[in-house]
Each structure stands twice: as C-alpha cells, then as structure tokens.
Amino acid sequence: MKKTIITLIFTLIALLAFAQTSSTHKQQTTTEPITVTGTALKLTTKEGAATSYQPVKTLIVREDGSNNPSSYALNGPGHVLNKAGEVVQTAIKPGTRMRVYYVNTGDLRMVDHVVVLD
C-alpha cells in the first residue's frame, strides 16, 4: 500500500512538471507590404586634428594630407567618443587627433559621430 501511494505521488508530480500551459492571448500579425522611400546617405570618414578656432556648433578639422581645414556642422548634442566608445564631455583642444564620421547634405557636412584618437 505504501509503495502504491508513493508511486501515485511521483506520477502526479511528473505529470505536473511536464504539463504544458496554454495561452489564451493570441498575437495578431499582418503580412501587408510596406514601402519605405527616402534618400540613401553615405557615411564618410576623415582623419585629422582640431584647429585652434572652433565657432559654436561647428567642428573645424585640418584633415591629414590637406592644407585646407574642413568644417562640420554640429546640430544638437554631438556624439564625441573616445577610442573605448565612451562619451567625451570635455571640449576638444586644438591639435587633438580625431576621426570624423559624417554625411554630406547639400553644402553641409553633418557629423554622425567623432572619435577622439589621442
């Protein structure tokens, strides 16, 4: 009798352990096609050093191999990162080596992010 009760208890535990729960919440999906239109933007990089004059919301970099500095618009909070990918909160000092990732939009170069190399 004792053996039968123990067997029944273990059988009940096994049934509860392997029972599947069913969900009454059904997810509804649609398969309607979506058309996305827009202009493809090409991300470009340049390396160089910051110049001594930095107007507000503008980054001026003397690119490697060029005598003419390039100007980049910084609209909104810029994404200036160090080599480890951490946000840099301090100002960029003249001569600081950097890599600028940008997109050309008309006559402006809009900065995606800047990586400080020093």
PDB file of N, CA and C in Angstrom:
ATOM      1  N   MET A   1       0.818  -1.190   0.000  1.00  0.00           N
ATOM      2  CA  MET A   1       0.000   0.000   0.000  1.00  0.00           C
ATOM      3  C   MET A   1       0.869   1.264   0.000  1.00  0.00           C
ATOM      4  N   LYS A   2       1.874   1.259   0.842  1.00  0.00           N
ATOM      5  CA  LYS A   2       2.779   2.395   0.926  1.00  0.00           C
ATOM      6  C   LYS A   2       3.485   2.630  -0.406  1.00  0.00           C
ATOM      7  N   LYS A   3       3.895   1.554  -1.067  1.00  0.00           N
ATOM      8  CA  LYS A   3       4.572   1.637  -2.342  1.00  0.00           C
ATOM      9  C   LYS A   3       3.635   2.211  -3.406  1.00  0.00           C
ATOM     10  N   THR A   4       2.385   1.866  -3.380  1.00  0.00           N
ATOM     11  CA  THR A   4       1.401   2.356  -4.343  1.00  0.00           C
ATOM     12  C   THR A   4       1.164   3.848  -4.157  1.00  0.00           C
ATOM     13  N   ILE A   5       1.079   4.324  -2.920  1.00  0.00           N
ATOM     14  CA  ILE A   5       0.866   5.748  -2.634  1.00  0.00           C
ATOM     15  C   ILE A   5       2.072   6.555  -3.103  1.00  0.00           C
ATOM     16  N   ILE A   6       3.264   6.063  -2.831  1.00  0.00           N
ATOM     17  CA  ILE A   6       4.475   6.766  -3.251  1.00  0.00           C
ATOM     18  C   ILE A   6       4.535   6.833  -4.782  1.00  0.00           C
ATOM     19  N   THR A   7       4.176   5.737  -5.467  1.00  0.00           N
ATOM     20  CA  THR A   7       4.156   5.712  -6.928  1.00  0.00           C
ATOM     21  C   THR A   7       3.157   6.727  -7.471  1.00  0.00           C
ATOM     22  N   LEU A   8       1.968   6.796  -6.870  1.00  0.00           N
ATOM     23  CA  LEU A   8       0.949   7.758  -7.300  1.00  0.00           C
ATOM     24  C   LEU A   8       1.421   9.205  -7.104  1.00  0.00           C
ATOM     25  N   ILE A   9       2.091   9.463  -5.992  1.00  0.00           N
ATOM     26  CA  ILE A   9       2.586  10.812  -5.711  1.00  0.00           C
ATOM     27  C   ILE A   9       3.631  11.210  -6.751  1.00  0.00           C
ATOM     28  N   PHE A  10       4.588  10.300  -7.032  1.00  0.00           N
ATOM     29  CA  PHE A  10       5.614  10.611  -8.028  1.00  0.00           C
ATOM     30  C   PHE A  10       5.013  10.764  -9.427  1.00  0.00           C
ATOM     31  N   THR A  11       4.002   9.978  -9.753  1.00  0.00           N
ATOM     32  CA  THR A  11       3.332  10.101 -11.053  1.00  0.00           C
ATOM     33  C   THR A  11       2.644  11.455 -11.166  1.00  0.00           C
ATOM     34  N   LEU A  12       1.963  11.890 -10.097  1.00  0.00           N
ATOM     35  CA  LEU A  12       1.292  13.188 -10.085  1.00  0.00           C
ATOM     36  C   LEU A  12       2.304  14.328 -10.233  1.00  0.00           C
ATOM     37  N   ILE A  13       3.414  14.231  -9.531  1.00  0.00           N
ATOM     38  CA  ILE A  13       4.468  15.251  -9.634  1.00  0.00           C
ATOM     39  C   ILE A  13       5.031  15.293 -11.045  1.00  0.00           C
ATOM     40  N   ALA A  14       5.261  14.137 -11.658  1.00  0.00           N
ATOM     41  CA  ALA A  14       5.789  14.084 -13.022  1.00  0.00           C
ATOM     42  C   ALA A  14       4.798  14.690 -14.006  1.00  0.00           C
ATOM     43  N   LEU A  15       3.528  14.406 -13.847  1.00  0.00           N
ATOM     44  CA  LEU A  15       2.520  14.976 -14.743  1.00  0.00           C
ATOM     45  C   LEU A  15       2.471  16.498 -14.621  1.00  0.00           C
ATOM     46  N   LEU A  16       2.563  17.003 -13.413  1.00  0.00           N
ATOM     47  CA  LEU A  16       2.542  18.456 -13.217  1.00  0.00           C
ATOM     48  C   LEU A  16       3.821  19.110 -13.745  1.00  0.00           C
ATOM     49  N   ALA A  17       4.918  18.429 -13.614  1.00  0.00           N
ATOM     50  CA  ALA A  17       6.191  19.002 -14.053  1.00  0.00           C
ATOM     51  C   ALA A  17       6.273  19.108 -15.571  1.00  0.00           C
ATOM     52  N   PHE A  18       5.708  18.140 -16.280  1.00  0.00           N
ATOM     53  CA  PHE A  18       5.801  18.131 -17.734  1.00  0.00           C
ATOM     54  C   PHE A  18       4.547  18.648 -18.427  1.00  0.00           C
ATOM     55  N   ALA A  19       3.602  19.153 -17.672  1.00  0.00           N
ATOM     56  CA  ALA A  19       2.374  19.689 -18.268  1.00  0.00           C
ATOM     57  C   ALA A  19       2.684  20.987 -19.002  1.00  0.00           C
ATOM     58  N   GLN A  20       2.049  21.191 -20.147  1.00  0.00           N
ATOM     59  CA  GLN A  20       2.229  22.417 -20.903  1.00  0.00           C
ATOM     60  C   GLN A  20       1.095  23.367 -20.575  1.00  0.00           C
ATOM     61  N   THR A  21       1.463  24.609 -20.430  1.00  0.00           N
ATOM     62  CA  THR A  21       0.434  25.614 -20.201  1.00  0.00           C
ATOM     63  C   THR A  21       0.003  26.170 -21.539  1.00  0.00           C
ATOM     64  N   SER A  22      -1.248  26.491 -21.660  1.00  0.00           N
ATOM     65  CA  SER A  22      -1.730  27.072 -22.904  1.00  0.00           C
ATOM     66  C   SER A  22      -2.052  28.533 -22.652  1.00  0.00           C
ATOM     67  N   SER A  23      -1.858  29.315 -23.694  1.00  0.00           N
ATOM     68  CA  SER A  23      -2.103  30.741 -23.588  1.00  0.00           C
ATOM     69  C   SER A  23      -3.394  31.085 -24.292  1.00  0.00           C
ATOM     70  N   THR A  24      -4.209  31.922 -23.664  1.00  0.00           N
ATOM     71  CA  THR A  24      -5.448  32.354 -24.293  1.00  0.00           C
ATOM     72  C   THR A  24      -5.234  33.657 -25.051  1.00  0.00           C
ATOM     73  N   HIS A  25      -4.038  34.248 -24.902  1.00  0.00           N
ATOM     74  CA  HIS A  25      -3.711  35.508 -25.570  1.00  0.00           C
ATOM     75  C   HIS A  25      -3.069  35.176 -26.918  1.00  0.00           C
ATOM     76  N   LYS A  26      -3.730  35.584 -27.995  1.00  0.00           N
ATOM     77  CA  LYS A  26      -3.206  35.309 -29.326  1.00  0.00           C
ATOM     78  C   LYS A  26      -2.637  36.582 -29.928  1.00  0.00           C
ATOM     79  N   GLN A  27      -1.500  36.443 -30.572  1.00  0.00           N
ATOM     80  CA  GLN A  27      -0.858  37.576 -31.208  1.00  0.00           C
ATOM     81  C   GLN A  27      -1.337  37.651 -32.646  1.00  0.00           C
ATOM     82  N   GLN A  28      -1.736  38.830 -33.056  1.00  0.00           N
ATOM     83  CA  GLN A  28      -2.236  39.024 -34.403  1.00  0.00           C
ATOM     84  C   GLN A  28      -1.151  39.686 -35.250  1.00  0.00           C
ATOM     85  N   THR A  29      -0.870  39.093 -36.388  1.00  0.00           N
ATOM     86  CA  THR A  29       0.142  39.654 -37.271  1.00  0.00           C
ATOM     87  C   THR A  29      -0.478  39.956 -38.629  1.00  0.00           C
ATOM     88  N   THR A  30       0.102  40.922 -39.305  1.00  0.00           N
ATOM     89  CA  THR A  30      -0.337  41.237 -40.658  1.00  0.00           C
ATOM     90  C   THR A  30       0.817  41.004 -41.614  1.00  0.00           C
ATOM     91  N   THR A  31       0.475  40.713 -42.831  1.00  0.00           N
ATOM     92  CA  THR A  31       1.508  40.474 -43.835  1.00  0.00           C
ATOM     93  C   THR A  31       1.390  41.477 -44.978  1.00  0.00           C
ATOM     94  N   GLU A  32       0.905  42.663 -44.663  1.00  0.00           N
ATOM     95  CA  GLU A  32       0.774  43.690 -45.681  1.00  0.00           C
ATOM     96  C   GLU A  32       2.149  44.271 -45.994  1.00  0.00           C
ATOM     97  N   PRO A  33       2.479  44.439 -47.277  1.00  0.00           N
ATOM     98  CA  PRO A  33       3.781  45.006 -47.629  1.00  0.00           C
ATOM     99  C   PRO A  33       3.863  46.486 -47.274  1.00  0.00           C
ATOM    100  N   ILE A  34       5.056  46.915 -46.916  1.00  0.00           N
ATOM    101  CA  ILE A  34       5.305  48.311 -46.573  1.00  0.00           C
ATOM    102  C   ILE A  34       6.348  48.849 -47.539  1.00  0.00           C
ATOM    103  N   THR A  35       6.096  50.025 -48.083  1.00  0.00           N
ATOM    104  CA  THR A  35       7.054  50.672 -48.974  1.00  0.00           C
ATOM    105  C   THR A  35       7.726  51.812 -48.223  1.00  0.00           C
ATOM    106  N   VAL A  36       9.042  51.795 -48.169  1.00  0.00           N
ATOM    107  CA  VAL A  36       9.816  52.835 -47.499  1.00  0.00           C
ATOM    108  C   VAL A  36      10.585  53.591 -48.571  1.00  0.00           C
ATOM    109  N   THR A  37      10.416  54.910 -48.579  1.00  0.00           N
ATOM    110  CA  THR A  37      11.142  55.725 -49.548  1.00  0.00           C
ATOM    111  C   THR A  37      12.009  56.734 -48.814  1.00  0.00           C
ATOM    112  N   GLY A  38      13.082  57.114 -49.433  1.00  0.00           N
ATOM    113  CA  GLY A  38      13.969  58.097 -48.820  1.00  0.00           C
ATOM    114  C   GLY A  38      15.264  58.182 -49.600  1.00  0.00           C
ATOM    115  N   THR A  39      16.114  59.027 -49.135  1.00  0.00           N
ATOM    116  CA  THR A  39      17.407  59.217 -49.771  1.00  0.00           C
ATOM    117  C   THR A  39      18.457  58.426 -49.012  1.00  0.00           C
ATOM    118  N   ALA A  40      19.238  57.657 -49.729  1.00  0.00           N
ATOM    119  CA  ALA A  40      20.322  56.913 -49.089  1.00  0.00           C
ATOM    120  C   ALA A  40      21.452  57.885 -48.771  1.00  0.00           C
ATOM    121  N   LEU A  41      21.918  57.844 -47.538  1.00  0.00           N
ATOM    122  CA  LEU A  41      23.000  58.728 -47.118  1.00  0.00           C
ATOM    123  C   LEU A  41      24.273  57.917 -46.970  1.00  0.00           C
ATOM    124  N   LYS A  42      25.343  58.423 -47.535  1.00  0.00           N
ATOM    125  CA  LYS A  42      26.629  57.743 -47.457  1.00  0.00           C
ATOM    126  C   LYS A  42      27.440  58.314 -46.305  1.00  0.00           C
ATOM    127  N   LEU A  43      27.793  57.447 -45.363  1.00  0.00           N
ATOM    128  CA  LEU A  43      28.619  57.846 -44.226  1.00  0.00           C
ATOM    129  C   LEU A  43      30.080  57.822 -44.659  1.00  0.00           C
ATOM    130  N   THR A  44      30.789  58.931 -44.451  1.00  0.00           N
ATOM    131  CA  THR A  44      32.176  59.094 -44.866  1.00  0.00           C
ATOM    132  C   THR A  44      33.023  59.401 -43.633  1.00  0.00           C
ATOM    133  N   THR A  45      34.307  59.080 -43.684  1.00  0.00           N
ATOM    134  CA  THR A  45      35.199  59.389 -42.560  1.00  0.00           C
ATOM    135  C   THR A  45      36.390  60.197 -43.046  1.00  0.00           C
ATOM    136  N   LYS A  46      36.878  61.038 -42.172  1.00  0.00           N
ATOM    137  CA  LYS A  46      38.108  61.807 -42.397  1.00  0.00           C
ATOM    138  C   LYS A  46      38.881  61.826 -41.095  1.00  0.00           C
ATOM    139  N   GLU A  47      40.216  61.773 -41.195  1.00  0.00           N
ATOM    140  CA  GLU A  47      41.067  61.898 -40.012  1.00  0.00           C
ATOM    141  C   GLU A  47      41.838  63.188 -40.092  1.00  0.00           C
ATOM    142  N   GLY A  48      42.089  63.780 -38.931  1.00  0.00           N
ATOM    143  CA  GLY A  48      42.860  64.997 -38.873  1.00  0.00           C
ATOM    144  C   GLY A  48      42.977  65.487 -37.451  1.00  0.00           C
ATOM    145  N   ALA A  49      43.272  66.789 -37.307  1.00  0.00           N
ATOM    146  CA  ALA A  49      43.435  67.402 -35.988  1.00  0.00           C
ATOM    147  C   ALA A  49      42.536  68.621 -35.897  1.00  0.00           C
ATOM    148  N   ALA A  50      42.008  68.865 -34.699  1.00  0.00           N
ATOM    149  CA  ALA A  50      41.165  70.037 -34.472  1.00  0.00           C
ATOM    150  C   ALA A  50      41.997  71.300 -34.651  1.00  0.00           C
ATOM    151  N   THR A  51      41.388  72.342 -35.206  1.00  0.00           N
ATOM    152  CA  THR A  51      42.093  73.608 -35.375  1.00  0.00           C
ATOM    153  C   THR A  51      41.913  74.462 -34.134  1.00  0.00           C
ATOM    154  N   SER A  52      42.586  75.586 -34.118  1.00  0.00           N
ATOM    155  CA  SER A  52      42.547  76.440 -32.929  1.00  0.00           C
ATOM    156  C   SER A  52      41.228  77.203 -32.800  1.00  0.00           C
ATOM    157  N   TYR A  53      40.533  77.448 -33.922  1.00  0.00           N
ATOM    158  CA  TYR A  53      39.287  78.224 -33.855  1.00  0.00           C
ATOM    159  C   TYR A  53      38.104  77.286 -34.064  1.00  0.00           C
ATOM    160  N   GLN A  54      37.179  77.250 -33.116  1.00  0.00           N
ATOM    161  CA  GLN A  54      36.005  76.401 -33.180  1.00  0.00           C
ATOM    162  C   GLN A  54      34.759  77.240 -32.914  1.00  0.00           C
ATOM    163  N   PRO A  55      34.089  77.769 -33.966  1.00  0.00           N
ATOM    164  CA  PRO A  55      32.843  78.508 -33.713  1.00  0.00           C
ATOM    165  C   PRO A  55      31.800  77.604 -33.059  1.00  0.00           C
ATOM    166  N   VAL A  56      30.792  78.212 -32.451  1.00  0.00           N
ATOM    167  CA  VAL A  56      29.739  77.457 -31.767  1.00  0.00           C
ATOM    168  C   VAL A  56      29.063  76.493 -32.748  1.00  0.00           C
ATOM    169  N   LYS A  57      28.841  75.255 -32.307  1.00  0.00           N
ATOM    170  CA  LYS A  57      28.181  74.199 -33.075  1.00  0.00           C
ATOM    171  C   LYS A  57      28.884  73.868 -34.389  1.00  0.00           C
ATOM    172  N   THR A  58      30.173  74.116 -34.451  1.00  0.00           N
ATOM    173  CA  THR A  58      30.961  73.804 -35.639  1.00  0.00           C
ATOM    174  C   THR A  58      32.261  73.138 -35.193  1.00  0.00           C
ATOM    175  N   LEU A  59      32.661  72.132 -35.928  1.00  0.00           N
ATOM    176  CA  LEU A  59      33.940  71.462 -35.678  1.00  0.00           C
ATOM    177  C   LEU A  59      34.809  71.693 -36.910  1.00  0.00           C
ATOM    178  N   ILE A  60      35.980  72.280 -36.727  1.00  0.00           N
ATOM    179  CA  ILE A  60      36.893  72.531 -37.842  1.00  0.00           C
ATOM    180  C   ILE A  60      38.110  71.631 -37.664  1.00  0.00           C
ATOM    181  N   VAL A  61      38.363  70.826 -38.693  1.00  0.00           N
ATOM    182  CA  VAL A  61      39.424  69.824 -38.644  1.00  0.00           C
ATOM    183  C   VAL A  61      40.350  70.034 -39.829  1.00  0.00           C
ATOM    184  N   ARG A  62      41.658  70.060 -39.543  1.00  0.00           N
ATOM    185  CA  ARG A  62      42.644  70.079 -40.625  1.00  0.00           C
ATOM    186  C   ARG A  62      42.915  68.612 -40.940  1.00  0.00           C
ATOM    187  N   GLU A  63      42.398  68.194 -42.093  1.00  0.00           N
ATOM    188  CA  GLU A  63      42.491  66.792 -42.474  1.00  0.00           C
ATOM    189  C   GLU A  63      43.910  66.413 -42.833  1.00  0.00           C
ATOM    190  N   ASP A  64      44.275  65.167 -42.596  1.00  0.00           N
ATOM    191  CA  ASP A  64      45.602  64.662 -42.944  1.00  0.00           C
ATOM    192  C   ASP A  64      45.812  64.811 -44.446  1.00  0.00           C
ATOM    193  N   GLY A  65      46.984  65.323 -44.848  1.00  0.00           N
ATOM    194  CA  GLY A  65      47.335  65.459 -46.248  1.00  0.00           C
ATOM    195  C   GLY A  65      46.680  66.636 -46.940  1.00  0.00           C
ATOM    196  N   SER A  66      46.040  67.526 -46.183  1.00  0.00           N
ATOM    197  CA  SER A  66      45.383  68.681 -46.791  1.00  0.00           C
ATOM    198  C   SER A  66      45.810  69.951 -46.064  1.00  0.00           C
ATOM    199  N   ASN A  67      45.956  71.030 -46.798  1.00  0.00           N
ATOM    200  CA  ASN A  67      46.290  72.316 -46.177  1.00  0.00           C
ATOM    201  C   ASN A  67      45.046  73.110 -45.798  1.00  0.00           C
ATOM    202  N   ASN A  68      43.892  72.703 -46.330  1.00  0.00           N
ATOM    203  CA  ASN A  68      42.659  73.431 -46.067  1.00  0.00           C
ATOM    204  C   ASN A  68      41.846  72.716 -44.995  1.00  0.00           C
ATOM    205  N   PRO A  69      41.419  73.436 -43.960  1.00  0.00           N
ATOM    206  CA  PRO A  69      40.589  72.809 -42.934  1.00  0.00           C
ATOM    207  C   PRO A  69      39.182  72.568 -43.462  1.00  0.00           C
ATOM    208  N   SER A  70      38.525  71.529 -42.929  1.00  0.00           N
ATOM    209  CA  SER A  70      37.139  71.220 -43.267  1.00  0.00           C
ATOM    210  C   SER A  70      36.248  71.595 -42.102  1.00  0.00           C
ATOM    211  N   SER A  71      35.042  72.033 -42.418  1.00  0.00           N
ATOM    212  CA  SER A  71      34.092  72.459 -41.400  1.00  0.00           C
ATOM    213  C   SER A  71      32.941  71.462 -41.339  1.00  0.00           C
ATOM    214  N   TYR A  72      32.540  71.093 -40.130  1.00  0.00           N
ATOM    215  CA  TYR A  72      31.449  70.141 -39.916  1.00  0.00           C
ATOM    216  C   TYR A  72      30.421  70.783 -38.994  1.00  0.00           C
ATOM    217  N   ALA A  73      29.137  70.693 -39.366  1.00  0.00           N
ATOM    218  CA  ALA A  73      28.065  71.252 -38.531  1.00  0.00           C
ATOM    219  C   ALA A  73      27.729  70.276 -37.414  1.00  0.00           C
ATOM    220  N   LEU A  74      27.613  70.807 -36.197  1.00  0.00           N
ATOM    221  CA  LEU A  74      27.226  70.004 -35.032  1.00  0.00           C
ATOM    222  C   LEU A  74      25.857  70.489 -34.560  1.00  0.00           C
ATOM    223  N   ASN A  75      24.786  69.998 -35.162  1.00  0.00           N
ATOM    224  CA  ASN A  75      23.437  70.375 -34.746  1.00  0.00           C
ATOM    225  C   ASN A  75      22.980  69.448 -33.634  1.00  0.00           C
ATOM    226  N   GLY A  76      22.612  70.006 -32.505  1.00  0.00           N
ATOM    227  CA  GLY A  76      22.216  69.196 -31.354  1.00  0.00           C
ATOM    228  C   GLY A  76      23.445  68.670 -30.648  1.00  0.00           C
ATOM    229  N   PRO A  77      23.211  67.845 -29.643  1.00  0.00           N
ATOM    230  CA  PRO A  77      24.355  67.309 -28.894  1.00  0.00           C
ATOM    231  C   PRO A  77      25.185  66.399 -29.781  1.00  0.00           C
ATOM    232  N   GLY A  78      26.479  66.723 -29.892  1.00  0.00           N
ATOM    233  CA  GLY A  78      27.375  65.913 -30.715  1.00  0.00           C
ATOM    234  C   GLY A  78      27.703  64.610 -30.021  1.00  0.00           C
ATOM    235  N   HIS A  79      28.027  63.629 -30.822  1.00  0.00           N
ATOM    236  CA  HIS A  79      28.419  62.330 -30.287  1.00  0.00           C
ATOM    237  C   HIS A  79      29.928  62.222 -30.391  1.00  0.00           C
ATOM    238  N   VAL A  80      30.602  62.778 -29.410  1.00  0.00           N
ATOM    239  CA  VAL A  80      32.062  62.747 -29.368  1.00  0.00           C
ATOM    240  C   VAL A  80      32.457  61.624 -28.426  1.00  0.00           C
ATOM    241  N   LEU A  81      33.203  60.650 -28.958  1.00  0.00           N
ATOM    242  CA  LEU A  81      33.555  59.447 -28.202  1.00  0.00           C
ATOM    243  C   LEU A  81      35.065  59.287 -28.143  1.00  0.00           C
ATOM    244  N   ASN A  82      35.533  58.567 -27.117  1.00  0.00           N
ATOM    245  CA  ASN A  82      36.945  58.196 -27.088  1.00  0.00           C
ATOM    246  C   ASN A  82      37.102  56.846 -27.799  1.00  0.00           C
ATOM    247  N   LYS A  83      38.315  56.325 -27.859  1.00  0.00           N
ATOM    248  CA  LYS A  83      38.559  55.063 -28.573  1.00  0.00           C
ATOM    249  C   LYS A  83      37.810  53.890 -27.955  1.00  0.00           C
ATOM    250  N   ALA A  84      37.467  53.993 -26.669  1.00  0.00           N
ATOM    251  CA  ALA A  84      36.735  52.918 -25.988  1.00  0.00           C
ATOM    252  C   ALA A  84      35.229  53.019 -26.212  1.00  0.00           C
ATOM    253  N   GLY A  85      34.781  54.063 -26.937  1.00  0.00           N
ATOM    254  CA  GLY A  85      33.354  54.219 -27.200  1.00  0.00           C
ATOM    255  C   GLY A  85      32.605  54.967 -26.116  1.00  0.00           C
ATOM    256  N   GLU A  86      33.334  55.564 -25.160  1.00  0.00           N
ATOM    257  CA  GLU A  86      32.709  56.326 -24.077  1.00  0.00           C
ATOM    258  C   GLU A  86      32.537  57.780 -24.507  1.00  0.00           C
ATOM    259  N   VAL A  87      31.451  58.407 -24.065  1.00  0.00           N
ATOM    260  CA  VAL A  87      31.166  59.792 -24.429  1.00  0.00           C
ATOM    261  C   VAL A  87      32.184  60.726 -23.790  1.00  0.00           C
ATOM    262  N   VAL A  88      32.733  61.656 -24.582  1.00  0.00           N
ATOM    263  CA  VAL A  88      33.685  62.653 -24.102  1.00  0.00           C
ATOM    264  C   VAL A  88      32.895  63.907 -23.768  1.00  0.00           C
ATOM    265  N   GLN A  89      33.005  64.390 -22.535  1.00  0.00           N
ATOM    266  CA  GLN A  89      32.254  65.553 -22.081  1.00  0.00           C
ATOM    267  C   GLN A  89      33.059  66.849 -22.168  1.00  0.00           C
ATOM    268  N   THR A  90      34.362  66.742 -22.292  1.00  0.00           N
ATOM    269  CA  THR A  90      35.210  67.933 -22.288  1.00  0.00           C
ATOM    270  C   THR A  90      35.328  68.521 -23.692  1.00  0.00           C
ATOM    271  N   ALA A  91      35.794  69.771 -23.774  1.00  0.00           N
ATOM    272  CA  ALA A  91      35.982  70.432 -25.063  1.00  0.00           C
ATOM    273  C   ALA A  91      37.125  69.775 -25.824  1.00  0.00           C
ATOM    274  N   ILE A  92      37.063  69.860 -27.125  1.00  0.00           N
ATOM    275  CA  ILE A  92      38.130  69.324 -27.968  1.00  0.00           C
ATOM    276  C   ILE A  92      39.212  70.392 -28.100  1.00  0.00           C
ATOM    277  N   LYS A  93      40.408  70.079 -27.646  1.00  0.00           N
ATOM    278  CA  LYS A  93      41.510  71.041 -27.660  1.00  0.00           C
ATOM    279  C   LYS A  93      42.143  71.098 -29.047  1.00  0.00           C
ATOM    280  N   PRO A  94      42.683  72.257 -29.425  1.00  0.00           N
ATOM    281  CA  PRO A  94      43.381  72.370 -30.706  1.00  0.00           C
ATOM    282  C   PRO A  94      44.502  71.343 -30.803  1.00  0.00           C
ATOM    283  N   GLY A  95      44.632  70.724 -31.967  1.00  0.00           N
ATOM    284  CA  GLY A  95      45.671  69.720 -32.184  1.00  0.00           C
ATOM    285  C   GLY A  95      45.248  68.312 -31.829  1.00  0.00           C
ATOM    286  N   THR A  96      44.078  68.148 -31.216  1.00  0.00           N
ATOM    287  CA  THR A  96      43.598  66.823 -30.840  1.00  0.00           C
ATOM    288  C   THR A  96      43.335  65.994 -32.094  1.00  0.00           C
ATOM    289  N   ARG A  97      43.913  64.794 -32.154  1.00  0.00           N
ATOM    290  CA  ARG A  97      43.707  63.894 -33.287  1.00  0.00           C
ATOM    291  C   ARG A  97      42.324  63.276 -33.182  1.00  0.00           C
ATOM    292  N   MET A  98      41.629  63.194 -34.309  1.00  0.00           N
ATOM    293  CA  MET A  98      40.273  62.661 -34.304  1.00  0.00           C
ATOM    294  C   MET A  98      39.921  62.071 -35.651  1.00  0.00           C
ATOM    295  N   ARG A  99      38.886  61.241 -35.635  1.00  0.00           N
ATOM    296  CA  ARG A  99      38.292  60.701 -36.853  1.00  0.00           C
ATOM    297  C   ARG A  99      36.843  61.147 -36.857  1.00  0.00           C
ATOM    298  N   VAL A 100      36.427  61.820 -37.929  1.00  0.00           N
ATOM    299  CA  VAL A 100      35.073  62.367 -38.037  1.00  0.00           C
ATOM    300  C   VAL A 100      34.264  61.484 -38.989  1.00  0.00           C
ATOM    301  N   TYR A 101      33.107  61.022 -38.537  1.00  0.00           N
ATOM    302  CA  TYR A 101      32.165  60.260 -39.362  1.00  0.00           C
ATOM    303  C   TYR A 101      31.031  61.219 -39.712  1.00  0.00           C
ATOM    304  N   TYR A 102      30.817  61.464 -40.999  1.00  0.00           N
ATOM    305  CA  TYR A 102      29.858  62.489 -41.389  1.00  0.00           C
ATOM    306  C   TYR A 102      29.085  62.081 -42.645  1.00  0.00           C
ATOM    307  N   VAL A 103      28.018  62.853 -42.914  1.00  0.00           N
ATOM    308  CA  VAL A 103      27.211  62.690 -44.109  1.00  0.00           C
ATOM    309  C   VAL A 103      27.136  64.048 -44.790  1.00  0.00           C
ATOM    310  N   ASN A 104      27.329  64.088 -46.096  1.00  0.00           N
ATOM    311  CA  ASN A 104      27.161  65.324 -46.856  1.00  0.00           C
ATOM    312  C   ASN A 104      25.672  65.534 -47.128  1.00  0.00           C
ATOM    313  N   THR A 105      25.141  66.681 -46.711  1.00  0.00           N
ATOM    314  CA  THR A 105      23.755  67.048 -47.000  1.00  0.00           C
ATOM    315  C   THR A 105      23.772  68.431 -47.623  1.00  0.00           C
ATOM    316  N   GLY A 106      23.705  68.466 -48.938  1.00  0.00           N
ATOM    317  CA  GLY A 106      23.817  69.747 -49.628  1.00  0.00           C
ATOM    318  C   GLY A 106      25.221  70.302 -49.461  1.00  0.00           C
ATOM    319  N   ASP A 107      25.304  71.549 -48.984  1.00  0.00           N
ATOM    320  CA  ASP A 107      26.606  72.185 -48.766  1.00  0.00           C
ATOM    321  C   ASP A 107      27.164  71.921 -47.367  1.00  0.00           C
ATOM    322  N   LEU A 108      26.403  71.227 -46.526  1.00  0.00           N
ATOM    323  CA  LEU A 108      26.835  70.980 -45.152  1.00  0.00           C
ATOM    324  C   LEU A 108      27.330  69.556 -44.969  1.00  0.00           C
ATOM    325  N   ARG A 109      28.244  69.411 -44.047  1.00  0.00           N
ATOM    326  CA  ARG A 109      28.677  68.091 -43.602  1.00  0.00           C
ATOM    327  C   ARG A 109      28.108  67.902 -42.202  1.00  0.00           C
ATOM    328  N   MET A 110      27.156  67.015 -42.062  1.00  0.00           N
ATOM    329  CA  MET A 110      26.522  66.760 -40.772  1.00  0.00           C
ATOM    330  C   MET A 110      27.259  65.615 -40.081  1.00  0.00           C
ATOM    331  N   VAL A 111      27.746  65.875 -38.876  1.00  0.00           N
ATOM    332  CA  VAL A 111      28.525  64.897 -38.130  1.00  0.00           C
ATOM    333  C   VAL A 111      27.604  63.825 -37.560  1.00  0.00           C
ATOM    334  N   ASP A 112      27.948  62.571 -37.807  1.00  0.00           N
ATOM    335  CA  ASP A 112      27.264  61.446 -37.171  1.00  0.00           C
ATOM    336  C   ASP A 112      27.890  61.213 -35.806  1.00  0.00           C
ATOM    337  N   HIS A 113      29.216  61.064 -35.777  1.00  0.00           N
ATOM    338  CA  HIS A 113      29.958  60.981 -34.518  1.00  0.00           C
ATOM    339  C   HIS A 113      31.435  61.254 -34.776  1.00  0.00           C
ATOM    340  N   VAL A 114      32.138  61.586 -33.704  1.00  0.00           N
ATOM    341  CA  VAL A 114      33.561  61.890 -33.750  1.00  0.00           C
ATOM    342  C   VAL A 114      34.266  60.966 -32.765  1.00  0.00           C
ATOM    343  N   VAL A 115      35.363  60.364 -33.189  1.00  0.00           N
ATOM    344  CA  VAL A 115      36.159  59.533 -32.286  1.00  0.00           C
ATOM    345  C   VAL A 115      37.478  60.252 -32.040  1.00  0.00           C
ATOM    346  N   VAL A 116      37.734  60.601 -30.765  1.00  0.00           N
ATOM    347  CA  VAL A 116      38.980  61.258 -30.380  1.00  0.00           C
ATOM    348  C   VAL A 116      40.041  60.180 -30.277  1.00  0.00           C
ATOM    349  N   LEU A 117      41.138  60.343 -31.024  1.00  0.00           N
ATOM    350  CA  LEU A 117      42.179  59.322 -31.094  1.00  0.00           C
ATOM    351  C   LEU A 117      43.284  59.507 -30.088  1.00  0.00           C
ATOM    352  N   ASP A 118      43.444  60.715 -29.528  1.00  0.00           N
ATOM    353  CA  ASP A 118      44.520  60.981 -28.555  1.00  0.00           C
ATOM    354  C   ASP A 118      44.192  60.406 -27.202  1.00  0.00           C
TER     355      ASP A 118
END
